[in-house]
Amino acid sequence: MKLAALALGLAFAQDDWKPLFNGKDLDGFTVTGTAKWKVEEGVIVGGQEGDPKRSGFLCTKDPYQDFELVLDFMIDEHGKYNSGVYLRNDPMPPQDQTGYQVNIGRAAAKEYTGGVVVHQDKGIRWVATGDEKDEVRKPLEWNSMKILAKGAHLEVELNGKKIVDVTDPDPKPKYLQKGILALQCYGAEGHSGWVKFRNLKIRELK
């Protein structure tokens, strides 16, 4: 009986996870900005089509507040070119960050993968820097990421290693509201780069 109950509990836990990407098209998302998003062989690909001035976001239609999010990513390896995952954001347009961002980039360019960033009146504030020495991220390979957002508490795992476990000491109310998720794509330093995502799933927390 105990084994049966345990199996049933595990089944319910697995059922809590909802895929955000169906592996075929961008159903469930909206596109904002001039970056180009497409699906190739079960992978979401964002890029500028040769124009580094293009930028934009792939946004979920549904809002989320407290959740666990898992995904795989791969990103171009160039200078400050980077991407990120916006959490609890206001619907777009306008193209603006109103919630937390979990960054994806190169630590050598001070764009720390897994780092948590907020935009404020005086610029940006790093709540946590994540993989500060680029010891966990695998350049030009698939990387797995897990994000937990519960109120002002955020955790990030990269390739199975916890790199962020932080509670924001100064959370603005807008950082904690229910909002969309958004995948970021833009150029930097005159370079038109690309970013890829797959296996996106979310589990909302009660």
N, C-alpha and C. Protein backbone atom coordinates (compact mmCIF):
# COMPACT_ATOMS: atom_id res chain seq x y z
N MET A 1 0.83 -1.21 0.00
CA MET A 1 0.00 0.00 0.00
C MET A 1 0.86 1.26 0.00
N LYS A 2 1.94 1.22 0.80
CA LYS A 2 2.80 2.39 0.87
C LYS A 2 3.46 2.66 -0.47
N LEU A 3 3.90 1.58 -1.14
CA LEU A 3 4.53 1.74 -2.45
C LEU A 3 3.55 2.30 -3.46
N ALA A 4 2.31 1.83 -3.40
CA ALA A 4 1.28 2.31 -4.32
C ALA A 4 1.00 3.79 -4.08
N ALA A 5 0.93 4.17 -2.80
CA ALA A 5 0.68 5.58 -2.47
C ALA A 5 1.83 6.45 -2.93
N LEU A 6 3.07 5.93 -2.76
CA LEU A 6 4.24 6.68 -3.20
C LEU A 6 4.23 6.87 -4.71
N ALA A 7 3.91 5.81 -5.43
CA ALA A 7 3.85 5.87 -6.89
C ALA A 7 2.78 6.86 -7.34
N LEU A 8 1.65 6.85 -6.63
CA LEU A 8 0.58 7.79 -6.99
C LEU A 8 1.02 9.22 -6.74
N GLY A 9 1.72 9.44 -5.63
CA GLY A 9 2.21 10.77 -5.32
C GLY A 9 3.20 11.26 -6.36
N LEU A 10 4.09 10.36 -6.82
CA LEU A 10 5.05 10.73 -7.85
C LEU A 10 4.35 11.06 -9.15
N ALA A 11 3.31 10.32 -9.46
CA ALA A 11 2.55 10.57 -10.69
C ALA A 11 1.92 11.95 -10.65
N PHE A 12 1.34 12.31 -9.48
CA PHE A 12 0.74 13.63 -9.35
C PHE A 12 1.81 14.71 -9.47
N ALA A 13 3.01 14.47 -8.87
CA ALA A 13 4.09 15.44 -8.93
C ALA A 13 4.52 15.67 -10.38
N GLN A 14 4.62 14.57 -11.15
CA GLN A 14 5.02 14.70 -12.55
C GLN A 14 3.95 15.41 -13.35
N ASP A 15 2.68 15.17 -13.03
CA ASP A 15 1.58 15.80 -13.76
C ASP A 15 1.53 17.31 -13.51
N ASP A 16 2.15 17.78 -12.42
CA ASP A 16 2.16 19.21 -12.13
C ASP A 16 2.96 19.99 -13.17
N TRP A 17 3.88 19.33 -13.86
CA TRP A 17 4.71 20.00 -14.85
C TRP A 17 3.92 20.18 -16.14
N LYS A 18 3.97 21.40 -16.68
CA LYS A 18 3.27 21.71 -17.92
C LYS A 18 4.27 22.15 -18.98
N PRO A 19 4.26 21.54 -20.16
CA PRO A 19 5.18 22.00 -21.20
C PRO A 19 4.78 23.39 -21.69
N LEU A 20 5.76 24.26 -21.86
CA LEU A 20 5.52 25.59 -22.42
C LEU A 20 5.70 25.59 -23.94
N PHE A 21 6.41 24.60 -24.45
CA PHE A 21 6.75 24.52 -25.88
C PHE A 21 6.34 23.15 -26.39
N ASN A 22 5.54 23.14 -27.48
CA ASN A 22 5.04 21.85 -27.99
C ASN A 22 6.00 21.15 -28.93
N GLY A 23 7.17 21.76 -29.19
CA GLY A 23 8.17 21.14 -30.04
C GLY A 23 7.92 21.28 -31.52
N LYS A 24 6.81 21.95 -31.89
CA LYS A 24 6.45 22.05 -33.31
C LYS A 24 6.34 23.48 -33.81
N ASP A 25 5.73 24.36 -33.00
CA ASP A 25 5.52 25.74 -33.43
C ASP A 25 5.50 26.64 -32.21
N LEU A 26 5.19 27.91 -32.41
CA LEU A 26 5.23 28.89 -31.32
C LEU A 26 3.85 29.15 -30.74
N ASP A 27 2.98 28.17 -30.81
CA ASP A 27 1.68 28.27 -30.18
C ASP A 27 1.85 28.46 -28.67
N GLY A 28 1.13 29.41 -28.09
CA GLY A 28 1.27 29.71 -26.67
C GLY A 28 2.20 30.88 -26.39
N PHE A 29 2.85 31.39 -27.46
CA PHE A 29 3.76 32.52 -27.32
C PHE A 29 3.31 33.68 -28.21
N THR A 30 3.76 34.88 -27.85
CA THR A 30 3.63 36.04 -28.73
C THR A 30 5.02 36.61 -28.96
N VAL A 31 5.22 37.23 -30.11
CA VAL A 31 6.51 37.80 -30.47
C VAL A 31 6.41 39.32 -30.41
N THR A 32 7.39 39.96 -29.79
CA THR A 32 7.46 41.42 -29.78
C THR A 32 8.86 41.85 -30.15
N GLY A 33 8.97 42.96 -30.86
CA GLY A 33 10.27 43.42 -31.33
C GLY A 33 10.57 42.95 -32.73
N THR A 34 11.82 43.14 -33.17
CA THR A 34 12.20 42.84 -34.56
C THR A 34 13.07 41.60 -34.70
N ALA A 35 13.51 41.00 -33.60
CA ALA A 35 14.23 39.73 -33.69
C ALA A 35 13.31 38.67 -34.30
N LYS A 36 13.90 37.67 -34.90
CA LYS A 36 13.13 36.63 -35.57
C LYS A 36 13.18 35.33 -34.77
N TRP A 37 12.02 34.75 -34.56
CA TRP A 37 11.90 33.50 -33.82
C TRP A 37 11.29 32.44 -34.72
N LYS A 38 11.82 31.23 -34.66
CA LYS A 38 11.30 30.13 -35.45
C LYS A 38 11.58 28.82 -34.73
N VAL A 39 10.99 27.74 -35.24
CA VAL A 39 11.21 26.41 -34.68
C VAL A 39 11.91 25.57 -35.74
N GLU A 40 13.04 24.97 -35.37
CA GLU A 40 13.80 24.10 -36.26
C GLU A 40 14.09 22.79 -35.55
N GLU A 41 13.55 21.69 -36.08
CA GLU A 41 13.81 20.36 -35.54
C GLU A 41 13.58 20.30 -34.03
N GLY A 42 12.45 20.83 -33.59
CA GLY A 42 12.07 20.75 -32.18
C GLY A 42 12.78 21.73 -31.28
N VAL A 43 13.41 22.75 -31.85
CA VAL A 43 14.17 23.73 -31.08
C VAL A 43 13.70 25.14 -31.43
N ILE A 44 13.51 25.98 -30.41
CA ILE A 44 13.21 27.40 -30.62
C ILE A 44 14.52 28.12 -30.92
N VAL A 45 14.54 28.85 -32.03
CA VAL A 45 15.74 29.59 -32.44
C VAL A 45 15.40 31.07 -32.55
N GLY A 46 16.16 31.91 -31.85
CA GLY A 46 16.01 33.35 -31.95
C GLY A 46 17.25 33.96 -32.56
N GLY A 47 17.08 34.91 -33.49
CA GLY A 47 18.23 35.55 -34.12
C GLY A 47 17.86 36.86 -34.78
N GLN A 48 18.87 37.53 -35.33
CA GLN A 48 18.67 38.84 -35.93
C GLN A 48 18.68 38.82 -37.46
N GLU A 49 18.87 37.67 -38.05
CA GLU A 49 18.93 37.54 -39.51
C GLU A 49 19.93 38.51 -40.11
N GLY A 50 21.11 38.57 -39.52
CA GLY A 50 22.19 39.39 -40.05
C GLY A 50 22.18 40.84 -39.62
N ASP A 51 21.17 41.28 -38.91
CA ASP A 51 21.07 42.69 -38.50
C ASP A 51 21.21 42.80 -36.99
N PRO A 52 22.35 43.25 -36.47
CA PRO A 52 22.55 43.29 -35.02
C PRO A 52 21.66 44.29 -34.31
N LYS A 53 21.00 45.18 -35.07
CA LYS A 53 20.10 46.15 -34.44
C LYS A 53 18.75 45.54 -34.09
N ARG A 54 18.47 44.37 -34.64
CA ARG A 54 17.20 43.71 -34.31
C ARG A 54 17.24 43.21 -32.87
N SER A 55 16.13 43.28 -32.19
CA SER A 55 16.04 42.75 -30.83
C SER A 55 14.58 42.43 -30.54
N GLY A 56 14.36 41.60 -29.55
CA GLY A 56 12.98 41.29 -29.22
C GLY A 56 12.85 40.15 -28.24
N PHE A 57 11.59 39.73 -28.05
CA PHE A 57 11.28 38.74 -27.02
C PHE A 57 10.23 37.76 -27.54
N LEU A 58 10.33 36.56 -27.04
CA LEU A 58 9.30 35.54 -27.24
C LEU A 58 8.60 35.39 -25.90
N CYS A 59 7.34 35.79 -25.83
CA CYS A 59 6.63 35.93 -24.55
C CYS A 59 5.54 34.88 -24.41
N THR A 60 5.38 34.35 -23.21
CA THR A 60 4.26 33.45 -22.96
C THR A 60 2.97 34.27 -22.95
N LYS A 61 1.90 33.65 -23.42
CA LYS A 61 0.60 34.32 -23.35
C LYS A 61 0.05 34.28 -21.93
N ASP A 62 0.38 33.23 -21.19
CA ASP A 62 -0.12 33.06 -19.82
C ASP A 62 0.83 33.70 -18.81
N PRO A 63 0.29 34.29 -17.74
CA PRO A 63 1.12 34.85 -16.67
C PRO A 63 1.38 33.81 -15.58
N TYR A 64 2.48 34.00 -14.86
CA TYR A 64 2.85 33.10 -13.76
C TYR A 64 3.43 33.95 -12.62
N GLN A 65 3.31 33.42 -11.40
CA GLN A 65 3.78 34.17 -10.24
C GLN A 65 4.85 33.41 -9.48
N ASP A 66 4.50 32.31 -8.83
CA ASP A 66 5.46 31.47 -8.12
C ASP A 66 5.53 30.14 -8.84
N PHE A 67 6.74 29.70 -9.18
CA PHE A 67 6.86 28.53 -10.06
C PHE A 67 8.27 27.97 -10.05
N GLU A 68 8.38 26.78 -10.63
CA GLU A 68 9.65 26.20 -11.05
C GLU A 68 9.63 26.13 -12.57
N LEU A 69 10.71 26.51 -13.21
CA LEU A 69 10.83 26.51 -14.66
C LEU A 69 12.09 25.76 -15.04
N VAL A 70 11.99 24.84 -16.00
CA VAL A 70 13.16 24.15 -16.50
C VAL A 70 13.26 24.37 -18.01
N LEU A 71 14.49 24.42 -18.51
CA LEU A 71 14.72 24.59 -19.94
C LEU A 71 16.16 24.22 -20.27
N ASP A 72 16.40 24.00 -21.55
CA ASP A 72 17.75 23.85 -22.08
C ASP A 72 18.03 25.05 -22.97
N PHE A 73 19.27 25.53 -22.97
CA PHE A 73 19.64 26.64 -23.84
C PHE A 73 21.02 26.42 -24.44
N MET A 74 21.23 27.07 -25.59
CA MET A 74 22.54 27.15 -26.23
C MET A 74 22.64 28.55 -26.81
N ILE A 75 23.81 29.17 -26.71
CA ILE A 75 23.93 30.57 -27.14
C ILE A 75 25.22 30.79 -27.90
N ASP A 76 25.15 31.73 -28.85
CA ASP A 76 26.32 32.17 -29.60
C ASP A 76 27.41 32.63 -28.64
N GLU A 77 28.66 32.44 -29.02
CA GLU A 77 29.79 32.75 -28.15
C GLU A 77 30.52 33.97 -28.72
N HIS A 78 30.05 35.17 -28.29
CA HIS A 78 30.66 36.38 -28.84
C HIS A 78 30.51 37.53 -27.86
N GLY A 79 31.63 38.10 -27.42
CA GLY A 79 31.63 39.33 -26.64
C GLY A 79 30.54 39.40 -25.59
N LYS A 80 29.83 40.54 -25.58
CA LYS A 80 28.77 40.75 -24.61
C LYS A 80 27.42 40.23 -25.11
N TYR A 81 27.40 39.58 -26.28
CA TYR A 81 26.13 39.04 -26.75
C TYR A 81 25.56 38.10 -25.69
N ASN A 82 24.31 38.33 -25.31
CA ASN A 82 23.72 37.50 -24.27
C ASN A 82 22.21 37.42 -24.45
N SER A 83 21.60 36.60 -23.64
CA SER A 83 20.15 36.42 -23.66
C SER A 83 19.68 36.40 -22.22
N GLY A 84 18.46 35.93 -22.02
CA GLY A 84 17.96 35.84 -20.66
C GLY A 84 16.51 35.41 -20.64
N VAL A 85 16.03 35.14 -19.44
CA VAL A 85 14.64 34.74 -19.21
C VAL A 85 14.03 35.77 -18.26
N TYR A 86 13.03 36.50 -18.76
CA TYR A 86 12.34 37.48 -17.93
C TYR A 86 11.25 36.78 -17.13
N LEU A 87 11.15 37.11 -15.84
CA LEU A 87 10.18 36.50 -14.94
C LEU A 87 9.18 37.56 -14.49
N ARG A 88 7.90 37.20 -14.45
CA ARG A 88 6.83 38.09 -13.93
C ARG A 88 6.83 39.45 -14.61
N ASN A 89 7.00 39.46 -15.90
CA ASN A 89 7.08 40.73 -16.62
C ASN A 89 5.70 41.23 -17.01
N ASP A 90 5.59 42.56 -17.19
CA ASP A 90 4.38 43.12 -17.77
C ASP A 90 4.27 42.65 -19.22
N PRO A 91 3.05 42.51 -19.74
CA PRO A 91 2.90 42.15 -21.15
C PRO A 91 3.62 43.16 -22.05
N MET A 92 4.13 42.67 -23.18
CA MET A 92 4.85 43.51 -24.13
C MET A 92 4.04 43.62 -25.43
N PRO A 93 4.22 44.74 -26.26
CA PRO A 93 5.09 45.86 -25.97
C PRO A 93 4.52 46.78 -24.88
N PRO A 94 5.27 47.78 -24.38
CA PRO A 94 6.62 48.12 -24.81
C PRO A 94 7.65 47.09 -24.35
N GLN A 95 8.82 47.12 -25.01
CA GLN A 95 9.88 46.16 -24.68
C GLN A 95 10.64 46.67 -23.46
N ASP A 96 10.23 46.23 -22.31
CA ASP A 96 10.82 46.74 -21.08
C ASP A 96 10.82 45.64 -20.04
N GLN A 97 11.86 45.63 -19.22
CA GLN A 97 11.93 44.65 -18.14
C GLN A 97 11.31 45.25 -16.89
N THR A 98 10.27 44.58 -16.38
CA THR A 98 9.60 45.06 -15.18
C THR A 98 9.71 44.07 -14.02
N GLY A 99 10.21 42.87 -14.29
CA GLY A 99 10.39 41.87 -13.24
C GLY A 99 11.85 41.47 -13.13
N TYR A 100 12.09 40.26 -12.63
CA TYR A 100 13.45 39.74 -12.56
C TYR A 100 13.85 39.18 -13.92
N GLN A 101 15.14 39.20 -14.19
CA GLN A 101 15.70 38.51 -15.34
C GLN A 101 16.77 37.54 -14.87
N VAL A 102 16.72 36.31 -15.36
CA VAL A 102 17.80 35.36 -15.16
C VAL A 102 18.66 35.41 -16.42
N ASN A 103 19.89 35.85 -16.29
CA ASN A 103 20.74 36.15 -17.43
C ASN A 103 21.36 34.89 -18.03
N ILE A 104 21.67 34.97 -19.32
CA ILE A 104 22.40 33.91 -20.03
C ILE A 104 23.47 34.61 -20.85
N GLY A 105 24.74 34.39 -20.51
CA GLY A 105 25.80 35.07 -21.24
C GLY A 105 27.18 34.58 -20.84
N ARG A 106 28.19 35.38 -21.19
CA ARG A 106 29.60 35.04 -20.96
C ARG A 106 30.12 35.83 -19.76
N ALA A 107 30.65 35.12 -18.79
CA ALA A 107 31.18 35.79 -17.59
C ALA A 107 32.37 36.68 -17.94
N ALA A 108 33.13 36.32 -18.98
CA ALA A 108 34.28 37.14 -19.37
C ALA A 108 33.86 38.55 -19.76
N ALA A 109 32.61 38.68 -20.21
CA ALA A 109 32.07 39.99 -20.58
C ALA A 109 31.15 40.55 -19.49
N LYS A 110 31.23 39.96 -18.30
CA LYS A 110 30.42 40.36 -17.15
C LYS A 110 28.92 40.21 -17.44
N GLU A 111 28.59 39.19 -18.22
CA GLU A 111 27.20 38.80 -18.48
C GLU A 111 27.04 37.39 -17.93
N TYR A 112 26.76 37.31 -16.63
CA TYR A 112 26.87 36.06 -15.90
C TYR A 112 25.65 35.16 -16.13
N THR A 113 25.89 33.94 -16.57
CA THR A 113 24.79 33.00 -16.73
C THR A 113 24.21 32.62 -15.37
N GLY A 114 22.89 32.66 -15.29
CA GLY A 114 22.21 32.35 -14.04
C GLY A 114 22.10 33.52 -13.10
N GLY A 115 22.80 34.61 -13.40
CA GLY A 115 22.72 35.80 -12.56
C GLY A 115 21.33 36.41 -12.61
N VAL A 116 20.87 36.95 -11.49
CA VAL A 116 19.54 37.54 -11.39
C VAL A 116 19.68 39.07 -11.43
N VAL A 117 18.97 39.71 -12.36
CA VAL A 117 19.11 41.14 -12.60
C VAL A 117 17.75 41.82 -12.50
N VAL A 118 17.74 43.03 -11.96
CA VAL A 118 16.55 43.88 -12.03
C VAL A 118 16.96 45.23 -12.61
N HIS A 119 16.04 45.85 -13.33
CA HIS A 119 16.27 47.20 -13.86
C HIS A 119 15.69 48.22 -12.90
N GLN A 120 16.48 49.23 -12.59
CA GLN A 120 16.03 50.29 -11.71
C GLN A 120 16.30 51.64 -12.37
N ASP A 121 15.87 52.72 -11.73
CA ASP A 121 16.01 54.05 -12.31
C ASP A 121 17.45 54.40 -12.62
N LYS A 122 18.36 53.92 -11.82
CA LYS A 122 19.77 54.26 -12.00
C LYS A 122 20.54 53.19 -12.77
N GLY A 123 19.85 52.30 -13.45
CA GLY A 123 20.52 51.26 -14.22
C GLY A 123 20.08 49.88 -13.78
N ILE A 124 21.02 48.93 -13.74
CA ILE A 124 20.68 47.57 -13.36
C ILE A 124 21.28 47.23 -11.99
N ARG A 125 20.65 46.28 -11.35
CA ARG A 125 21.16 45.78 -10.06
C ARG A 125 21.24 44.26 -10.15
N TRP A 126 22.43 43.72 -9.87
CA TRP A 126 22.59 42.28 -9.82
C TRP A 126 22.18 41.80 -8.42
N VAL A 127 21.09 41.06 -8.36
CA VAL A 127 20.67 40.45 -7.09
C VAL A 127 21.59 39.29 -6.75
N ALA A 128 22.06 38.59 -7.79
CA ALA A 128 23.02 37.49 -7.65
C ALA A 128 23.76 37.37 -8.98
N THR A 129 25.03 36.94 -8.95
CA THR A 129 25.82 36.88 -10.18
C THR A 129 25.91 35.48 -10.78
N GLY A 130 25.46 34.46 -10.07
CA GLY A 130 25.40 33.13 -10.67
C GLY A 130 26.76 32.54 -11.00
N ASP A 131 26.91 32.06 -12.25
CA ASP A 131 28.12 31.37 -12.69
C ASP A 131 29.19 32.42 -13.02
N GLU A 132 29.72 33.05 -11.98
CA GLU A 132 30.55 34.25 -12.13
C GLU A 132 31.87 33.97 -12.83
N LYS A 133 32.37 32.74 -12.76
CA LYS A 133 33.65 32.40 -13.40
C LYS A 133 33.49 31.51 -14.63
N ASP A 134 32.24 31.33 -15.08
CA ASP A 134 31.98 30.47 -16.24
C ASP A 134 32.53 29.06 -16.03
N GLU A 135 32.38 28.54 -14.83
CA GLU A 135 32.90 27.21 -14.52
C GLU A 135 31.86 26.12 -14.77
N VAL A 136 30.59 26.50 -14.91
CA VAL A 136 29.51 25.52 -15.03
C VAL A 136 28.90 25.52 -16.43
N ARG A 137 28.78 26.68 -17.03
CA ARG A 137 28.23 26.78 -18.38
C ARG A 137 29.14 26.11 -19.39
N LYS A 138 28.54 25.45 -20.38
CA LYS A 138 29.29 24.78 -21.44
C LYS A 138 29.14 25.58 -22.74
N PRO A 139 30.19 26.27 -23.19
CA PRO A 139 30.08 27.09 -24.39
C PRO A 139 29.72 26.27 -25.63
N LEU A 140 28.78 26.81 -26.41
CA LEU A 140 28.36 26.22 -27.68
C LEU A 140 27.87 24.79 -27.54
N GLU A 141 27.32 24.47 -26.36
CA GLU A 141 26.68 23.18 -26.11
C GLU A 141 25.35 23.44 -25.43
N TRP A 142 24.54 22.40 -25.36
CA TRP A 142 23.28 22.50 -24.62
C TRP A 142 23.56 22.54 -23.13
N ASN A 143 22.91 23.47 -22.44
CA ASN A 143 22.99 23.61 -21.00
C ASN A 143 21.58 23.51 -20.42
N SER A 144 21.45 22.85 -19.29
CA SER A 144 20.15 22.77 -18.61
C SER A 144 20.09 23.81 -17.50
N MET A 145 18.90 24.40 -17.35
CA MET A 145 18.70 25.41 -16.31
C MET A 145 17.37 25.16 -15.60
N LYS A 146 17.39 25.31 -14.29
CA LYS A 146 16.17 25.22 -13.50
C LYS A 146 16.07 26.48 -12.65
N ILE A 147 14.91 27.13 -12.71
CA ILE A 147 14.68 28.38 -11.98
C ILE A 147 13.52 28.18 -11.02
N LEU A 148 13.72 28.55 -9.77
CA LEU A 148 12.64 28.57 -8.79
C LEU A 148 12.40 30.02 -8.39
N ALA A 149 11.15 30.46 -8.51
CA ALA A 149 10.78 31.82 -8.10
C ALA A 149 9.61 31.71 -7.13
N LYS A 150 9.85 32.07 -5.88
CA LYS A 150 8.82 32.03 -4.86
C LYS A 150 8.90 33.32 -4.06
N GLY A 151 8.02 34.26 -4.38
CA GLY A 151 8.12 35.57 -3.76
C GLY A 151 9.43 36.23 -4.15
N ALA A 152 10.14 36.76 -3.16
CA ALA A 152 11.43 37.40 -3.42
C ALA A 152 12.59 36.42 -3.38
N HIS A 153 12.28 35.13 -3.20
CA HIS A 153 13.33 34.11 -3.14
C HIS A 153 13.49 33.46 -4.50
N LEU A 154 14.74 33.40 -4.98
CA LEU A 154 15.03 32.81 -6.28
C LEU A 154 16.20 31.83 -6.17
N GLU A 155 16.05 30.73 -6.86
CA GLU A 155 17.13 29.75 -6.96
C GLU A 155 17.34 29.40 -8.42
N VAL A 156 18.59 29.19 -8.79
CA VAL A 156 18.93 28.81 -10.16
C VAL A 156 19.91 27.64 -10.12
N GLU A 157 19.58 26.59 -10.85
CA GLU A 157 20.50 25.48 -11.05
C GLU A 157 20.96 25.49 -12.50
N LEU A 158 22.26 25.27 -12.71
CA LEU A 158 22.83 25.20 -14.05
C LEU A 158 23.55 23.88 -14.19
N ASN A 159 23.10 23.09 -15.16
CA ASN A 159 23.69 21.76 -15.40
C ASN A 159 23.76 20.93 -14.11
N GLY A 160 22.68 21.03 -13.32
CA GLY A 160 22.56 20.23 -12.11
C GLY A 160 23.24 20.80 -10.88
N LYS A 161 23.90 21.96 -11.00
CA LYS A 161 24.59 22.58 -9.87
C LYS A 161 23.88 23.86 -9.48
N LYS A 162 23.54 24.00 -8.18
CA LYS A 162 22.89 25.22 -7.72
C LYS A 162 23.90 26.36 -7.70
N ILE A 163 23.61 27.42 -8.47
CA ILE A 163 24.54 28.55 -8.55
C ILE A 163 23.95 29.83 -7.95
N VAL A 164 22.64 29.83 -7.68
CA VAL A 164 21.99 30.98 -7.04
C VAL A 164 20.99 30.46 -6.01
N ASP A 165 21.04 31.03 -4.83
CA ASP A 165 20.07 30.76 -3.76
C ASP A 165 20.00 32.07 -2.97
N VAL A 166 19.05 32.95 -3.36
CA VAL A 166 19.08 34.31 -2.85
C VAL A 166 17.66 34.80 -2.58
N THR A 167 17.54 35.66 -1.59
CA THR A 167 16.31 36.40 -1.35
C THR A 167 16.60 37.87 -1.57
N ASP A 168 15.89 38.49 -2.48
CA ASP A 168 16.11 39.90 -2.82
C ASP A 168 15.84 40.76 -1.58
N PRO A 169 16.83 41.53 -1.14
CA PRO A 169 16.63 42.35 0.06
C PRO A 169 15.77 43.58 -0.19
N ASP A 170 15.56 43.92 -1.46
CA ASP A 170 14.79 45.14 -1.77
C ASP A 170 13.84 44.88 -2.94
N PRO A 171 12.87 43.98 -2.73
CA PRO A 171 11.97 43.65 -3.84
C PRO A 171 10.87 44.69 -4.00
N LYS A 172 10.76 45.27 -5.19
CA LYS A 172 9.65 46.17 -5.48
C LYS A 172 8.39 45.34 -5.71
N PRO A 173 7.22 45.86 -5.40
CA PRO A 173 5.98 45.10 -5.59
C PRO A 173 5.84 44.53 -7.00
N LYS A 174 6.29 45.26 -8.02
CA LYS A 174 6.14 44.79 -9.39
C LYS A 174 7.00 43.55 -9.66
N TYR A 175 8.08 43.34 -8.86
CA TYR A 175 8.90 42.16 -9.06
C TYR A 175 8.19 40.89 -8.61
N LEU A 176 7.17 41.04 -7.76
CA LEU A 176 6.52 39.89 -7.13
C LEU A 176 5.15 39.60 -7.73
N GLN A 177 4.68 40.46 -8.63
CA GLN A 177 3.35 40.29 -9.21
C GLN A 177 3.33 39.14 -10.21
N LYS A 178 2.13 38.68 -10.53
CA LYS A 178 1.99 37.70 -11.58
C LYS A 178 2.31 38.36 -12.91
N GLY A 179 3.07 37.68 -13.77
CA GLY A 179 3.44 38.26 -15.05
C GLY A 179 3.89 37.21 -16.03
N ILE A 180 4.14 37.63 -17.26
CA ILE A 180 4.54 36.71 -18.31
C ILE A 180 5.99 36.30 -18.15
N LEU A 181 6.39 35.24 -18.86
CA LEU A 181 7.78 34.87 -19.04
C LEU A 181 8.19 35.32 -20.43
N ALA A 182 9.44 35.71 -20.61
CA ALA A 182 9.89 36.15 -21.93
C ALA A 182 11.33 35.70 -22.17
N LEU A 183 11.58 35.14 -23.35
CA LEU A 183 12.92 34.77 -23.78
C LEU A 183 13.49 35.92 -24.60
N GLN A 184 14.74 36.27 -24.35
CA GLN A 184 15.32 37.48 -24.92
C GLN A 184 16.26 37.15 -26.09
N CYS A 185 16.29 38.06 -27.07
CA CYS A 185 17.21 37.93 -28.20
C CYS A 185 17.60 39.32 -28.68
N TYR A 186 18.92 39.63 -28.71
CA TYR A 186 19.35 40.91 -29.26
C TYR A 186 20.83 40.87 -29.61
N GLY A 187 21.27 41.82 -30.40
CA GLY A 187 22.67 41.90 -30.80
C GLY A 187 23.47 42.76 -29.85
N ALA A 188 24.79 42.65 -29.93
CA ALA A 188 25.68 43.47 -29.12
C ALA A 188 26.98 43.66 -29.88
N GLU A 189 27.59 44.82 -29.74
CA GLU A 189 28.89 45.11 -30.35
C GLU A 189 28.88 44.89 -31.86
N GLY A 190 27.75 45.20 -32.50
CA GLY A 190 27.66 45.05 -33.94
C GLY A 190 27.61 43.61 -34.42
N HIS A 191 27.35 42.69 -33.51
CA HIS A 191 27.32 41.26 -33.85
C HIS A 191 25.88 40.76 -33.84
N SER A 192 25.49 40.07 -34.89
CA SER A 192 24.16 39.47 -34.96
C SER A 192 24.26 38.03 -34.49
N GLY A 193 23.78 37.77 -33.31
CA GLY A 193 23.95 36.44 -32.71
C GLY A 193 22.68 35.62 -32.73
N TRP A 194 22.72 34.49 -32.04
CA TRP A 194 21.58 33.58 -31.97
C TRP A 194 21.52 32.94 -30.59
N VAL A 195 20.33 32.48 -30.25
CA VAL A 195 20.12 31.73 -29.02
C VAL A 195 19.06 30.66 -29.29
N LYS A 196 19.20 29.51 -28.64
CA LYS A 196 18.29 28.39 -28.86
C LYS A 196 17.75 27.89 -27.52
N PHE A 197 16.49 27.43 -27.54
CA PHE A 197 15.85 26.89 -26.34
C PHE A 197 15.10 25.61 -26.71
N ARG A 198 15.00 24.72 -25.75
CA ARG A 198 14.20 23.50 -25.92
C ARG A 198 13.79 22.99 -24.54
N ASN A 199 12.86 22.04 -24.53
CA ASN A 199 12.45 21.35 -23.29
C ASN A 199 12.01 22.31 -22.19
N LEU A 200 11.16 23.29 -22.56
CA LEU A 200 10.67 24.25 -21.57
C LEU A 200 9.44 23.68 -20.87
N LYS A 201 9.52 23.61 -19.54
CA LYS A 201 8.40 23.13 -18.73
C LYS A 201 8.28 23.99 -17.48
N ILE A 202 7.05 24.11 -16.97
CA ILE A 202 6.82 24.92 -15.77
C ILE A 202 5.92 24.17 -14.81
N ARG A 203 6.16 24.39 -13.52
CA ARG A 203 5.31 23.85 -12.47
C ARG A 203 4.96 25.00 -11.52
N GLU A 204 3.70 25.35 -11.45
CA GLU A 204 3.29 26.45 -10.58
C GLU A 204 3.26 25.97 -9.13
N LEU A 205 3.68 26.84 -8.23
CA LEU A 205 3.72 26.54 -6.81
C LEU A 205 2.46 27.05 -6.13
N LYS A 206 1.92 26.27 -5.25
CA LYS A 206 0.71 26.66 -4.53
C LYS A 206 1.07 27.68 -3.46
